[in-house]
Amino acid sequence: MRAVAALTAVGVVCSVIGGIVFWAAHGGTSLTRSIAYGCWFAAAIVLVLTFLAGRQLVWRWTNLPVLENWVFVAAAVALTAVGAVVDAIGT
């Protein structure tokens, strides 16, 4: 569970920073919608990481602990939920 929380926290922080940058650069979208987009984009990236985590070659090259695929899927679901809540708050 600690890995899910860590992946979700990193994703949310990146989403907030990316959302603020997108909002400042684009300007046509509300701040909360931009942050929600960031959360959904981060969830998509985490799902791509699920595929990479299944490759043994990645774990041979690094000293990172092996994470199971459910960790990535759970983090992606949590990021999607956070994005939905942020979007609902903004509208």
PDB file of N, CA and C in Angstrom:
ATOM      1  N   MET A   1       0.818  -1.197   0.000  1.00  0.00           N
ATOM      2  CA  MET A   1       0.000   0.000   0.000  1.00  0.00           C
ATOM      3  C   MET A   1       0.860   1.258   0.000  1.00  0.00           C
ATOM      4  N   ARG A   2       2.031   1.173   0.566  1.00  0.00           N
ATOM      5  CA  ARG A   2       2.907   2.341   0.616  1.00  0.00           C
ATOM      6  C   ARG A   2       3.317   2.771  -0.787  1.00  0.00           C
ATOM      7  N   ALA A   3       3.543   1.796  -1.665  1.00  0.00           N
ATOM      8  CA  ALA A   3       3.942   2.122  -3.038  1.00  0.00           C
ATOM      9  C   ALA A   3       2.794   2.785  -3.793  1.00  0.00           C
ATOM     10  N   VAL A   4       1.566   2.352  -3.539  1.00  0.00           N
ATOM     11  CA  VAL A   4       0.406   2.982  -4.184  1.00  0.00           C
ATOM     12  C   VAL A   4       0.294   4.432  -3.737  1.00  0.00           C
ATOM     13  N   ALA A   5       0.434   4.660  -2.436  1.00  0.00           N
ATOM     14  CA  ALA A   5       0.355   6.024  -1.916  1.00  0.00           C
ATOM     15  C   ALA A   5       1.476   6.896  -2.469  1.00  0.00           C
ATOM     16  N   ALA A   6       2.675   6.332  -2.581  1.00  0.00           N
ATOM     17  CA  ALA A   6       3.799   7.105  -3.104  1.00  0.00           C
ATOM     18  C   ALA A   6       3.598   7.457  -4.580  1.00  0.00           C
ATOM     19  N   LEU A   7       3.178   6.479  -5.388  1.00  0.00           N
ATOM     20  CA  LEU A   7       2.919   6.759  -6.803  1.00  0.00           C
ATOM     21  C   LEU A   7       1.797   7.777  -6.978  1.00  0.00           C
ATOM     22  N   THR A   8       0.755   7.658  -6.173  1.00  0.00           N
ATOM     23  CA  THR A   8      -0.360   8.598  -6.259  1.00  0.00           C
ATOM     24  C   THR A   8       0.069   9.994  -5.832  1.00  0.00           C
ATOM     25  N   ALA A   9       0.842  10.091  -4.762  1.00  0.00           N
ATOM     26  CA  ALA A   9       1.300  11.400  -4.295  1.00  0.00           C
ATOM     27  C   ALA A   9       2.196  12.081  -5.325  1.00  0.00           C
ATOM     28  N   VAL A  10       3.115  11.332  -5.900  1.00  0.00           N
ATOM     29  CA  VAL A  10       3.985  11.896  -6.931  1.00  0.00           C
ATOM     30  C   VAL A  10       3.160  12.329  -8.131  1.00  0.00           C
ATOM     31  N   GLY A  11       2.189  11.511  -8.509  1.00  0.00           N
ATOM     32  CA  GLY A  11       1.323  11.857  -9.626  1.00  0.00           C
ATOM     33  C   GLY A  11       0.505  13.115  -9.376  1.00  0.00           C
ATOM     34  N   VAL A  12      -0.020  13.258  -8.165  1.00  0.00           N
ATOM     35  CA  VAL A  12      -0.822  14.444  -7.835  1.00  0.00           C
ATOM     36  C   VAL A  12       0.046  15.698  -7.832  1.00  0.00           C
ATOM     37  N   VAL A  13       1.236  15.602  -7.262  1.00  0.00           N
ATOM     38  CA  VAL A  13       2.125  16.767  -7.241  1.00  0.00           C
ATOM     39  C   VAL A  13       2.483  17.190  -8.670  1.00  0.00           C
ATOM     40  N   CYS A  14       2.832  16.226  -9.499  1.00  0.00           N
ATOM     41  CA  CYS A  14       3.144  16.534 -10.899  1.00  0.00           C
ATOM     42  C   CYS A  14       1.921  17.084 -11.622  1.00  0.00           C
ATOM     43  N   SER A  15       0.753  16.571 -11.297  1.00  0.00           N
ATOM     44  CA  SER A  15      -0.480  17.047 -11.927  1.00  0.00           C
ATOM     45  C   SER A  15      -0.784  18.487 -11.551  1.00  0.00           C
ATOM     46  N   VAL A  16      -0.581  18.821 -10.300  1.00  0.00           N
ATOM     47  CA  VAL A  16      -0.831  20.197  -9.858  1.00  0.00           C
ATOM     48  C   VAL A  16       0.148  21.149 -10.535  1.00  0.00           C
ATOM     49  N   ILE A  17       1.411  20.786 -10.557  1.00  0.00           N
ATOM     50  CA  ILE A  17       2.407  21.650 -11.208  1.00  0.00           C
ATOM     51  C   ILE A  17       2.118  21.764 -12.701  1.00  0.00           C
ATOM     52  N   GLY A  18       1.866  20.637 -13.357  1.00  0.00           N
ATOM     53  CA  GLY A  18       1.553  20.661 -14.782  1.00  0.00           C
ATOM     54  C   GLY A  18       0.266  21.406 -15.074  1.00  0.00           C
ATOM     55  N   GLY A  19      -0.732  21.247 -14.220  1.00  0.00           N
ATOM     56  CA  GLY A  19      -1.996  21.960 -14.398  1.00  0.00           C
ATOM     57  C   GLY A  19      -1.843  23.462 -14.277  1.00  0.00           C
ATOM     58  N   ILE A  20      -1.039  23.889 -13.327  1.00  0.00           N
ATOM     59  CA  ILE A  20      -0.805  25.329 -13.164  1.00  0.00           C
ATOM     60  C   ILE A  20      -0.051  25.882 -14.363  1.00  0.00           C
ATOM     61  N   VAL A  21       0.948  25.154 -14.847  1.00  0.00           N
ATOM     62  CA  VAL A  21       1.701  25.599 -16.024  1.00  0.00           C
ATOM     63  C   VAL A  21       0.778  25.655 -17.245  1.00  0.00           C
ATOM     64  N   PHE A  22      -0.050  24.620 -17.439  1.00  0.00           N
ATOM     65  CA  PHE A  22      -0.978  24.608 -18.571  1.00  0.00           C
ATOM     66  C   PHE A  22      -1.971  25.744 -18.474  1.00  0.00           C
ATOM     67  N   TRP A  23      -2.499  25.978 -17.288  1.00  0.00           N
ATOM     68  CA  TRP A  23      -3.462  27.065 -17.074  1.00  0.00           C
ATOM     69  C   TRP A  23      -2.825  28.415 -17.367  1.00  0.00           C
ATOM     70  N   ALA A  24      -1.573  28.613 -16.921  1.00  0.00           N
ATOM     71  CA  ALA A  24      -0.885  29.886 -17.155  1.00  0.00           C
ATOM     72  C   ALA A  24      -0.575  30.086 -18.640  1.00  0.00           C
ATOM     73  N   ALA A  25      -0.225  29.008 -19.324  1.00  0.00           N
ATOM     74  CA  ALA A  25       0.138  29.127 -20.737  1.00  0.00           C
ATOM     75  C   ALA A  25      -1.090  29.193 -21.636  1.00  0.00           C
ATOM     76  N   HIS A  26      -2.111  28.417 -21.328  1.00  0.00           N
ATOM     77  CA  HIS A  26      -3.280  28.328 -22.206  1.00  0.00           C
ATOM     78  C   HIS A  26      -4.304  29.405 -21.874  1.00  0.00           C
ATOM     79  N   GLY A  27      -4.675  29.501 -20.619  1.00  0.00           N
ATOM     80  CA  GLY A  27      -5.566  30.556 -20.166  1.00  0.00           C
ATOM     81  C   GLY A  27      -7.043  30.344 -20.455  1.00  0.00           C
ATOM     82  N   GLY A  28      -7.399  29.482 -21.388  1.00  0.00           N
ATOM     83  CA  GLY A  28      -8.802  29.296 -21.726  1.00  0.00           C
ATOM     84  C   GLY A  28      -9.501  28.257 -20.883  1.00  0.00           C
ATOM     85  N   THR A  29      -8.785  27.601 -20.009  1.00  0.00           N
ATOM     86  CA  THR A  29      -9.333  26.538 -19.184  1.00  0.00           C
ATOM     87  C   THR A  29      -9.251  26.966 -17.724  1.00  0.00           C
ATOM     88  N   SER A  30     -10.233  26.537 -16.936  1.00  0.00           N
ATOM     89  CA  SER A  30     -10.168  26.871 -15.512  1.00  0.00           C
ATOM     90  C   SER A  30      -9.012  26.118 -14.852  1.00  0.00           C
ATOM     91  N   LEU A  31      -8.555  26.647 -13.734  1.00  0.00           N
ATOM     92  CA  LEU A  31      -7.428  26.042 -13.033  1.00  0.00           C
ATOM     93  C   LEU A  31      -7.759  24.630 -12.565  1.00  0.00           C
ATOM     94  N   THR A  32      -8.960  24.443 -12.028  1.00  0.00           N
ATOM     95  CA  THR A  32      -9.315  23.108 -11.538  1.00  0.00           C
ATOM     96  C   THR A  32      -9.403  22.107 -12.684  1.00  0.00           C
ATOM     97  N   ARG A  33      -9.914  22.525 -13.831  1.00  0.00           N
ATOM     98  CA  ARG A  33      -9.990  21.628 -14.981  1.00  0.00           C
ATOM     99  C   ARG A  33      -8.587  21.281 -15.468  1.00  0.00           C
ATOM    100  N   SER A  34      -7.685  22.254 -15.449  1.00  0.00           N
ATOM    101  CA  SER A  34      -6.308  21.988 -15.867  1.00  0.00           C
ATOM    102  C   SER A  34      -5.626  20.987 -14.940  1.00  0.00           C
ATOM    103  N   ILE A  35      -5.862  21.119 -13.642  1.00  0.00           N
ATOM    104  CA  ILE A  35      -5.290  20.166 -12.683  1.00  0.00           C
ATOM    105  C   ILE A  35      -5.922  18.786 -12.876  1.00  0.00           C
ATOM    106  N   ALA A  36      -7.218  18.737 -13.144  1.00  0.00           N
ATOM    107  CA  ALA A  36      -7.881  17.455 -13.398  1.00  0.00           C
ATOM    108  C   ALA A  36      -7.302  16.797 -14.642  1.00  0.00           C
ATOM    109  N   TYR A  37      -7.066  17.576 -15.701  1.00  0.00           N
ATOM    110  CA  TYR A  37      -6.424  17.027 -16.899  1.00  0.00           C
ATOM    111  C   TYR A  37      -5.054  16.453 -16.562  1.00  0.00           C
ATOM    112  N   GLY A  38      -4.328  17.153 -15.709  1.00  0.00           N
ATOM    113  CA  GLY A  38      -3.018  16.664 -15.289  1.00  0.00           C
ATOM    114  C   GLY A  38      -3.113  15.329 -14.561  1.00  0.00           C
ATOM    115  N   CYS A  39      -4.121  15.191 -13.704  1.00  0.00           N
ATOM    116  CA  CYS A  39      -4.321  13.923 -12.988  1.00  0.00           C
ATOM    117  C   CYS A  39      -4.639  12.796 -13.960  1.00  0.00           C
ATOM    118  N   TRP A  40      -5.472  13.088 -14.941  1.00  0.00           N
ATOM    119  CA  TRP A  40      -5.847  12.048 -15.897  1.00  0.00           C
ATOM    120  C   TRP A  40      -4.672  11.688 -16.796  1.00  0.00           C
ATOM    121  N   PHE A  41      -3.875  12.666 -17.146  1.00  0.00           N
ATOM    122  CA  PHE A  41      -2.683  12.390 -17.948  1.00  0.00           C
ATOM    123  C   PHE A  41      -1.692  11.557 -17.137  1.00  0.00           C
ATOM    124  N   ALA A  42      -1.535  11.890 -15.849  1.00  0.00           N
ATOM    125  CA  ALA A  42      -0.639  11.113 -14.982  1.00  0.00           C
ATOM    126  C   ALA A  42      -1.150   9.681 -14.826  1.00  0.00           C
ATOM    127  N   ALA A  43      -2.466   9.497 -14.757  1.00  0.00           N
ATOM    128  CA  ALA A  43      -3.027   8.142 -14.661  1.00  0.00           C
ATOM    129  C   ALA A  43      -2.700   7.339 -15.919  1.00  0.00           C
ATOM    130  N   ALA A  44      -2.753   7.993 -17.066  1.00  0.00           N
ATOM    131  CA  ALA A  44      -2.406   7.302 -18.306  1.00  0.00           C
ATOM    132  C   ALA A  44      -0.933   6.905 -18.322  1.00  0.00           C
ATOM    133  N   ILE A  45      -0.076   7.777 -17.830  1.00  0.00           N
ATOM    134  CA  ILE A  45       1.359   7.462 -17.768  1.00  0.00           C
ATOM    135  C   ILE A  45       1.603   6.294 -16.816  1.00  0.00           C
ATOM    136  N   VAL A  46       0.915   6.275 -15.686  1.00  0.00           N
ATOM    137  CA  VAL A  46       1.076   5.177 -14.731  1.00  0.00           C
ATOM    138  C   VAL A  46       0.625   3.857 -15.354  1.00  0.00           C
ATOM    139  N   LEU A  47      -0.423   3.894 -16.171  1.00  0.00           N
ATOM    140  CA  LEU A  47      -0.855   2.663 -16.845  1.00  0.00           C
ATOM    141  C   LEU A  47       0.191   2.193 -17.858  1.00  0.00           C
ATOM    142  N   VAL A  48       0.878   3.110 -18.505  1.00  0.00           N
ATOM    143  CA  VAL A  48       1.977   2.723 -19.403  1.00  0.00           C
ATOM    144  C   VAL A  48       3.115   2.111 -18.587  1.00  0.00           C
ATOM    145  N   LEU A  49       3.351   2.648 -17.397  1.00  0.00           N
ATOM    146  CA  LEU A  49       4.383   2.084 -16.522  1.00  0.00           C
ATOM    147  C   LEU A  49       4.044   0.655 -16.114  1.00  0.00           C
ATOM    148  N   THR A  50       2.753   0.308 -16.108  1.00  0.00           N
ATOM    149  CA  THR A  50       2.358  -1.064 -15.810  1.00  0.00           C
ATOM    150  C   THR A  50       2.982  -2.024 -16.807  1.00  0.00           C
ATOM    151  N   PHE A  51       2.956  -1.645 -18.071  1.00  0.00           N
ATOM    152  CA  PHE A  51       3.567  -2.471 -19.107  1.00  0.00           C
ATOM    153  C   PHE A  51       5.074  -2.585 -18.883  1.00  0.00           C
ATOM    154  N   LEU A  52       5.714  -1.462 -18.589  1.00  0.00           N
ATOM    155  CA  LEU A  52       7.162  -1.485 -18.376  1.00  0.00           C
ATOM    156  C   LEU A  52       7.555  -2.273 -17.136  1.00  0.00           C
ATOM    157  N   ALA A  53       6.709  -2.248 -16.124  1.00  0.00           N
ATOM    158  CA  ALA A  53       7.007  -2.980 -14.891  1.00  0.00           C
ATOM    159  C   ALA A  53       6.971  -4.484 -15.113  1.00  0.00           C
ATOM    160  N   GLY A  54       6.229  -4.915 -16.114  1.00  0.00           N
ATOM    161  CA  GLY A  54       6.165  -6.335 -16.416  1.00  0.00           C
ATOM    162  C   GLY A  54       7.389  -6.856 -17.152  1.00  0.00           C
ATOM    163  N   ARG A  55       8.244  -5.977 -17.578  1.00  0.00           N
ATOM    164  CA  ARG A  55       9.448  -6.374 -18.305  1.00  0.00           C
ATOM    165  C   ARG A  55      10.574  -6.642 -17.307  1.00  0.00           C
ATOM    166  N   GLN A  56      11.145  -7.810 -17.337  1.00  0.00           N
ATOM    167  CA  GLN A  56      12.213  -8.159 -16.403  1.00  0.00           C
ATOM    168  C   GLN A  56      13.491  -7.387 -16.686  1.00  0.00           C
ATOM    169  N   LEU A  57      13.652  -6.958 -17.906  1.00  0.00           N
ATOM    170  CA  LEU A  57      14.852  -6.230 -18.283  1.00  0.00           C
ATOM    171  C   LEU A  57      15.012  -4.939 -17.468  1.00  0.00           C
ATOM    172  N   VAL A  58      13.896  -4.275 -17.188  1.00  0.00           N
ATOM    173  CA  VAL A  58      13.937  -3.040 -16.402  1.00  0.00           C
ATOM    174  C   VAL A  58      14.468  -3.316 -15.005  1.00  0.00           C
ATOM    175  N   TRP A  59      14.028  -4.396 -14.389  1.00  0.00           N
ATOM    176  CA  TRP A  59      14.424  -4.693 -13.018  1.00  0.00           C
ATOM    177  C   TRP A  59      15.862  -5.198 -12.940  1.00  0.00           C
ATOM    178  N   ARG A  60      16.368  -5.736 -14.024  1.00  0.00           N
ATOM    179  CA  ARG A  60      17.776  -6.172 -14.030  1.00  0.00           C
ATOM    180  C   ARG A  60      18.721  -4.983 -14.094  1.00  0.00           C
ATOM    181  N   TRP A  61      18.294  -3.917 -14.769  1.00  0.00           N
ATOM    182  CA  TRP A  61      19.149  -2.739 -14.935  1.00  0.00           C
ATOM    183  C   TRP A  61      19.166  -1.841 -13.705  1.00  0.00           C
ATOM    184  N   THR A  62      18.161  -1.921 -12.865  1.00  0.00           N
ATOM    185  CA  THR A  62      18.061  -1.014 -11.716  1.00  0.00           C
ATOM    186  C   THR A  62      18.110  -1.792 -10.408  1.00  0.00           C
ATOM    187  N   ASN A  63      18.276  -1.064  -9.338  1.00  0.00           N
ATOM    188  CA  ASN A  63      18.252  -1.643  -7.996  1.00  0.00           C
ATOM    189  C   ASN A  63      16.909  -1.396  -7.308  1.00  0.00           C
ATOM    190  N   LEU A  64      15.914  -0.940  -8.065  1.00  0.00           N
ATOM    191  CA  LEU A  64      14.606  -0.662  -7.495  1.00  0.00           C
ATOM    192  C   LEU A  64      13.908  -1.956  -7.095  1.00  0.00           C
ATOM    193  N   PRO A  65      13.083  -1.900  -6.064  1.00  0.00           N
ATOM    194  CA  PRO A  65      12.324  -3.098  -5.711  1.00  0.00           C
ATOM    195  C   PRO A  65      11.271  -3.386  -6.786  1.00  0.00           C
ATOM    196  N   VAL A  66      11.013  -4.641  -7.021  1.00  0.00           N
ATOM    197  CA  VAL A  66      10.038  -5.031  -8.036  1.00  0.00           C
ATOM    198  C   VAL A  66       8.634  -4.736  -7.521  1.00  0.00           C
ATOM    199  N   LEU A  67       7.876  -3.966  -8.312  1.00  0.00           N
ATOM    200  CA  LEU A  67       6.498  -3.645  -7.958  1.00  0.00           C
ATOM    201  C   LEU A  67       5.561  -4.486  -8.812  1.00  0.00           C
ATOM    202  N   GLU A  68       4.509  -4.959  -8.206  1.00  0.00           N
ATOM    203  CA  GLU A  68       3.528  -5.742  -8.942  1.00  0.00           C
ATOM    204  C   GLU A  68       2.619  -4.811  -9.736  1.00  0.00           C
ATOM    205  N   ASN A  69       1.989  -5.350 -10.767  1.00  0.00           N
ATOM    206  CA  ASN A  69       1.168  -4.529 -11.654  1.00  0.00           C
ATOM    207  C   ASN A  69      -0.042  -3.919 -10.952  1.00  0.00           C
ATOM    208  N   TRP A  70      -0.583  -4.582  -9.937  1.00  0.00           N
ATOM    209  CA  TRP A  70      -1.751  -4.042  -9.255  1.00  0.00           C
ATOM    210  C   TRP A  70      -1.435  -2.712  -8.585  1.00  0.00           C
ATOM    211  N   VAL A  71      -0.171  -2.503  -8.220  1.00  0.00           N
ATOM    212  CA  VAL A  71       0.227  -1.234  -7.596  1.00  0.00           C
ATOM    213  C   VAL A  71       0.017  -0.092  -8.584  1.00  0.00           C
ATOM    214  N   PHE A  72       0.428  -0.300  -9.822  1.00  0.00           N
ATOM    215  CA  PHE A  72       0.283   0.737 -10.838  1.00  0.00           C
ATOM    216  C   PHE A  72      -1.184   0.966 -11.195  1.00  0.00           C
ATOM    217  N   VAL A  73      -1.944  -0.102 -11.290  1.00  0.00           N
ATOM    218  CA  VAL A  73      -3.363   0.033 -11.628  1.00  0.00           C
ATOM    219  C   VAL A  73      -4.105   0.757 -10.506  1.00  0.00           C
ATOM    220  N   ALA A  74      -3.804   0.417  -9.261  1.00  0.00           N
ATOM    221  CA  ALA A  74      -4.451   1.087  -8.127  1.00  0.00           C
ATOM    222  C   ALA A  74      -4.086   2.569  -8.087  1.00  0.00           C
ATOM    223  N   ALA A  75      -2.830   2.899  -8.385  1.00  0.00           N
ATOM    224  CA  ALA A  75      -2.428   4.304  -8.413  1.00  0.00           C
ATOM    225  C   ALA A  75      -3.130   5.041  -9.550  1.00  0.00           C
ATOM    226  N   ALA A  76      -3.292   4.394 -10.702  1.00  0.00           N
ATOM    227  CA  ALA A  76      -3.992   5.023 -11.827  1.00  0.00           C
ATOM    228  C   ALA A  76      -5.461   5.273 -11.490  1.00  0.00           C
ATOM    229  N   VAL A  77      -6.091   4.320 -10.814  1.00  0.00           N
ATOM    230  CA  VAL A  77      -7.489   4.502 -10.410  1.00  0.00           C
ATOM    231  C   VAL A  77      -7.592   5.649  -9.409  1.00  0.00           C
ATOM    232  N   ALA A  78      -6.663   5.712  -8.465  1.00  0.00           N
ATOM    233  CA  ALA A  78      -6.681   6.800  -7.480  1.00  0.00           C
ATOM    234  C   ALA A  78      -6.473   8.155  -8.147  1.00  0.00           C
ATOM    235  N   LEU A  79      -5.562   8.236  -9.109  1.00  0.00           N
ATOM    236  CA  LEU A  79      -5.339   9.494  -9.819  1.00  0.00           C
ATOM    237  C   LEU A  79      -6.565   9.902 -10.629  1.00  0.00           C
ATOM    238  N   THR A  80      -7.234   8.933 -11.229  1.00  0.00           N
ATOM    239  CA  THR A  80      -8.456   9.233 -11.969  1.00  0.00           C
ATOM    240  C   THR A  80      -9.535   9.766 -11.030  1.00  0.00           C
ATOM    241  N   ALA A  81      -9.649   9.164  -9.863  1.00  0.00           N
ATOM    242  CA  ALA A  81     -10.639   9.615  -8.882  1.00  0.00           C
ATOM    243  C   ALA A  81     -10.311  11.020  -8.379  1.00  0.00           C
ATOM    244  N   VAL A  82      -9.042  11.279  -8.110  1.00  0.00           N
ATOM    245  CA  VAL A  82      -8.642  12.625  -7.664  1.00  0.00           C
ATOM    246  C   VAL A  82      -8.970  13.644  -8.746  1.00  0.00           C
ATOM    247  N   GLY A  83      -8.670  13.316 -10.006  1.00  0.00           N
ATOM    248  CA  GLY A  83      -8.994  14.221 -11.101  1.00  0.00           C
ATOM    249  C   GLY A  83     -10.490  14.484 -11.197  1.00  0.00           C
ATOM    250  N   ALA A  84     -11.313  13.455 -11.008  1.00  0.00           N
ATOM    251  CA  ALA A  84     -12.756  13.624 -11.071  1.00  0.00           C
ATOM    252  C   ALA A  84     -13.255  14.514  -9.935  1.00  0.00           C
ATOM    253  N   VAL A  85     -12.707  14.331  -8.739  1.00  0.00           N
ATOM    254  CA  VAL A  85     -13.111  15.158  -7.595  1.00  0.00           C
ATOM    255  C   VAL A  85     -12.702  16.614  -7.809  1.00  0.00           C
ATOM    256  N   VAL A  86     -11.475  16.834  -8.275  1.00  0.00           N
ATOM    257  CA  VAL A  86     -11.012  18.204  -8.527  1.00  0.00           C
ATOM    258  C   VAL A  86     -11.875  18.866  -9.600  1.00  0.00           C
ATOM    259  N   ASP A  87     -12.201  18.109 -10.640  1.00  0.00           N
ATOM    260  CA  ASP A  87     -13.043  18.654 -11.711  1.00  0.00           C
ATOM    261  C   ASP A  87     -14.434  18.973 -11.198  1.00  0.00           C
ATOM    262  N   ALA A  88     -14.983  18.106 -10.347  1.00  0.00           N
ATOM    263  CA  ALA A  88     -16.321  18.345  -9.790  1.00  0.00           C
ATOM    264  C   ALA A  88     -16.336  19.551  -8.864  1.00  0.00           C
ATOM    265  N   ILE A  89     -15.260  19.755  -8.134  1.00  0.00           N
ATOM    266  CA  ILE A  89     -15.183  20.913  -7.230  1.00  0.00           C
ATOM    267  C   ILE A  89     -15.173  22.209  -8.044  1.00  0.00           C
ATOM    268  N   GLY A  90     -14.507  22.187  -9.190  1.00  0.00           N
ATOM    269  CA  GLY A  90     -14.376  23.393  -9.995  1.00  0.00           C
ATOM    270  C   GLY A  90     -15.615  23.765 -10.780  1.00  0.00           C
ATOM    271  N   THR A  91     -16.547  22.834 -10.941  1.00  0.00           N
ATOM    272  CA  THR A  91     -17.731  23.172 -11.738  1.00  0.00           C
ATOM    273  C   THR A  91     -18.956  23.415 -10.891  1.00  0.00           C
TER     274      THR A  91
END
